[in-house]
N, C-alpha and C. Protein backbone atom coordinates (compact mmCIF):
# COMPACT_ATOMS: atom_id res chain seq x y z
N MET A 1 76.45 167.65 -136.31
CA MET A 1 76.42 167.12 -135.65
C MET A 1 75.59 168.95 -134.95
N ILE A 2 74.20 169.25 -134.34
CA ILE A 2 73.92 170.12 -134.12
C ILE A 2 74.15 169.54 -131.67
N THR A 3 74.65 171.15 -132.05
CA THR A 3 74.79 171.43 -129.75
C THR A 3 73.63 172.06 -129.71
N SER A 4 72.97 171.36 -128.54
CA SER A 4 71.87 171.69 -127.80
C SER A 4 72.19 173.26 -127.77
N HIS A 5 73.53 174.14 -128.36
CA HIS A 5 72.70 175.50 -128.14
C HIS A 5 72.16 176.39 -129.48
N GLN A 6 72.81 175.61 -130.12
CA GLN A 6 71.74 176.04 -132.24
C GLN A 6 70.16 175.50 -131.64
N LYS A 7 70.28 174.72 -131.05
CA LYS A 7 68.28 174.43 -131.22
C LYS A 7 67.69 174.34 -130.49
N GLY A 8 68.11 175.48 -129.14
CA GLY A 8 67.86 176.43 -128.49
C GLY A 8 67.26 175.95 -126.87
N ALA A 9 68.38 174.48 -127.01
CA ALA A 9 67.06 173.78 -125.56
C ALA A 9 68.83 174.28 -124.74
N PRO A 10 68.60 174.81 -123.07
CA PRO A 10 68.94 175.15 -122.70
C PRO A 10 70.07 173.94 -121.91
N PRO A 11 71.27 174.52 -121.52
CA PRO A 11 72.24 173.04 -121.64
C PRO A 11 71.83 172.30 -119.89
N ALA A 12 70.99 173.06 -119.82
CA ALA A 12 70.63 171.55 -118.47
C ALA A 12 69.48 170.29 -118.10
N ALA A 13 68.39 171.47 -119.16
CA ALA A 13 67.63 170.01 -120.11
C ALA A 13 68.19 169.41 -120.63
N THR A 14 69.45 169.31 -121.22
CA THR A 14 70.86 168.49 -122.17
C THR A 14 71.07 167.11 -121.11
N ALA A 15 71.59 168.01 -120.45
CA ALA A 15 72.61 167.57 -119.15
C ALA A 15 71.38 166.22 -118.14
N CYS A 16 70.14 167.18 -117.78
CA CYS A 16 69.09 166.24 -117.58
C CYS A 16 68.60 164.91 -118.13
N LEU A 17 68.88 165.62 -119.68
CA LEU A 17 68.24 164.26 -120.06
C LEU A 17 69.25 162.74 -120.09
N PHE A 18 70.28 163.37 -120.45
CA PHE A 18 71.51 162.31 -120.37
C PHE A 18 72.12 162.01 -119.53
N PHE A 19 71.73 162.55 -117.87
CA PHE A 19 71.39 161.92 -116.41
C PHE A 19 70.71 161.06 -116.62
N ILE A 20 69.23 160.89 -116.35
CA ILE A 20 68.13 160.24 -116.73
C ILE A 20 68.20 158.98 -118.06
N LEU A 21 69.40 159.26 -119.07
CA LEU A 21 69.66 157.70 -120.07
C LEU A 21 70.69 157.49 -119.11
N GLU A 22 71.24 158.06 -118.55
CA GLU A 22 72.15 157.05 -118.49
C GLU A 22 71.81 156.31 -116.82
N VAL A 23 70.76 156.96 -116.22
CA VAL A 23 70.75 156.49 -114.39
C VAL A 23 69.49 154.76 -115.57
N ARG A 24 69.15 154.82 -116.33
CA ARG A 24 67.26 154.40 -117.00
C ARG A 24 69.17 153.02 -117.20
N ALA A 25 70.26 153.54 -117.93
CA ALA A 25 70.69 152.09 -118.76
C ALA A 25 71.31 151.48 -117.29
N GLN A 26 71.96 152.01 -116.58
CA GLN A 26 72.17 150.96 -115.11
C GLN A 26 71.45 150.15 -114.66
N PHE A 27 70.43 150.38 -114.91
CA PHE A 27 69.27 150.54 -113.57
C PHE A 27 68.57 149.48 -114.68
N ILE A 28 69.17 149.13 -116.05
CA ILE A 28 68.70 148.26 -116.46
C ILE A 28 69.21 146.92 -116.69
N THR A 29 70.78 147.34 -116.51
CA THR A 29 72.36 146.87 -116.65
C THR A 29 71.95 145.82 -115.36
N PHE A 30 71.90 146.61 -113.89
CA PHE A 30 71.22 146.26 -112.85
C PHE A 30 70.22 144.73 -112.32
N ALA A 31 68.67 145.28 -113.30
CA ALA A 31 67.97 144.20 -113.19
C ALA A 31 68.39 142.69 -113.57
N LYS A 32 69.51 142.54 -114.86
CA LYS A 32 69.86 141.63 -115.40
C LYS A 32 70.41 141.73 -114.62
N LYS A 33 71.53 142.00 -114.82
CA LYS A 33 72.06 141.08 -113.48
C LYS A 33 71.17 139.94 -112.68
N LEU A 34 69.76 141.04 -111.72
CA LEU A 34 68.71 140.42 -110.59
C LEU A 34 68.85 139.36 -111.20
N VAL A 35 67.97 139.11 -112.06
CA VAL A 35 67.38 138.32 -112.40
C VAL A 35 68.18 136.46 -113.27
N ARG A 36 68.90 137.00 -113.31
CA ARG A 36 70.66 136.25 -113.27
C ARG A 36 71.05 135.36 -112.81
N SER A 37 70.99 136.17 -111.54
CA SER A 37 71.21 135.19 -109.77
C SER A 37 70.47 135.02 -109.69
N SER A 38 69.35 134.98 -109.84
CA SER A 38 67.98 134.69 -108.52
C SER A 38 68.26 133.33 -109.70
N ASP A 39 67.88 133.76 -111.37
CA ASP A 39 68.02 131.98 -111.54
C ASP A 39 68.43 131.72 -111.31
N GLN A 40 69.91 131.88 -111.46
CA GLN A 40 71.06 130.35 -110.89
C GLN A 40 70.59 130.14 -109.13
N LEU A 41 70.32 131.10 -108.85
CA LEU A 41 69.66 130.33 -106.52
C LEU A 41 68.35 129.38 -107.45
N HIS A 42 67.27 130.06 -108.05
CA HIS A 42 66.58 128.56 -108.33
C HIS A 42 67.00 127.61 -109.44
N LEU A 43 67.92 127.43 -109.88
CA LEU A 43 67.88 126.53 -110.70
C LEU A 43 69.24 125.19 -109.20
N ALA A 44 69.52 125.81 -108.43
CA ALA A 44 70.81 125.34 -107.37
C ALA A 44 70.11 125.00 -106.32
N ARG A 45 68.65 125.35 -106.13
CA ARG A 45 67.64 125.34 -105.67
C ARG A 45 66.82 123.57 -106.43
N LEU A 46 66.98 123.59 -107.27
CA LEU A 46 65.63 122.52 -108.11
C LEU A 46 66.78 121.54 -107.99
N ASP A 47 68.51 121.62 -108.20
CA ASP A 47 68.93 120.44 -107.85
C ASP A 47 69.26 119.96 -106.87
N SER A 48 68.60 121.36 -105.37
CA SER A 48 69.61 120.28 -104.34
C SER A 48 68.62 119.52 -104.28
N GLY A 49 67.24 120.23 -104.68
CA GLY A 49 65.48 119.05 -104.36
C GLY A 49 66.01 117.69 -105.17
N ARG A 50 66.02 117.75 -106.47
CA ARG A 50 66.28 116.19 -106.56
C ARG A 50 67.05 114.98 -106.41
N LYS A 51 68.72 115.73 -105.17
CA LYS A 51 69.20 114.76 -104.61
C LYS A 51 68.36 113.49 -103.47
């Protein structure tokens, strides 16, 4: 495994990249939950509309 020091990249840039990837992963997870809950809301509305 090559470390950031061997590549010549500053540790700050590496940390920043990891932070961005982490935030992106968190956002994707949040977006999926949001879509899932909105789908359930939509289905609940359809059910109440049938009654």
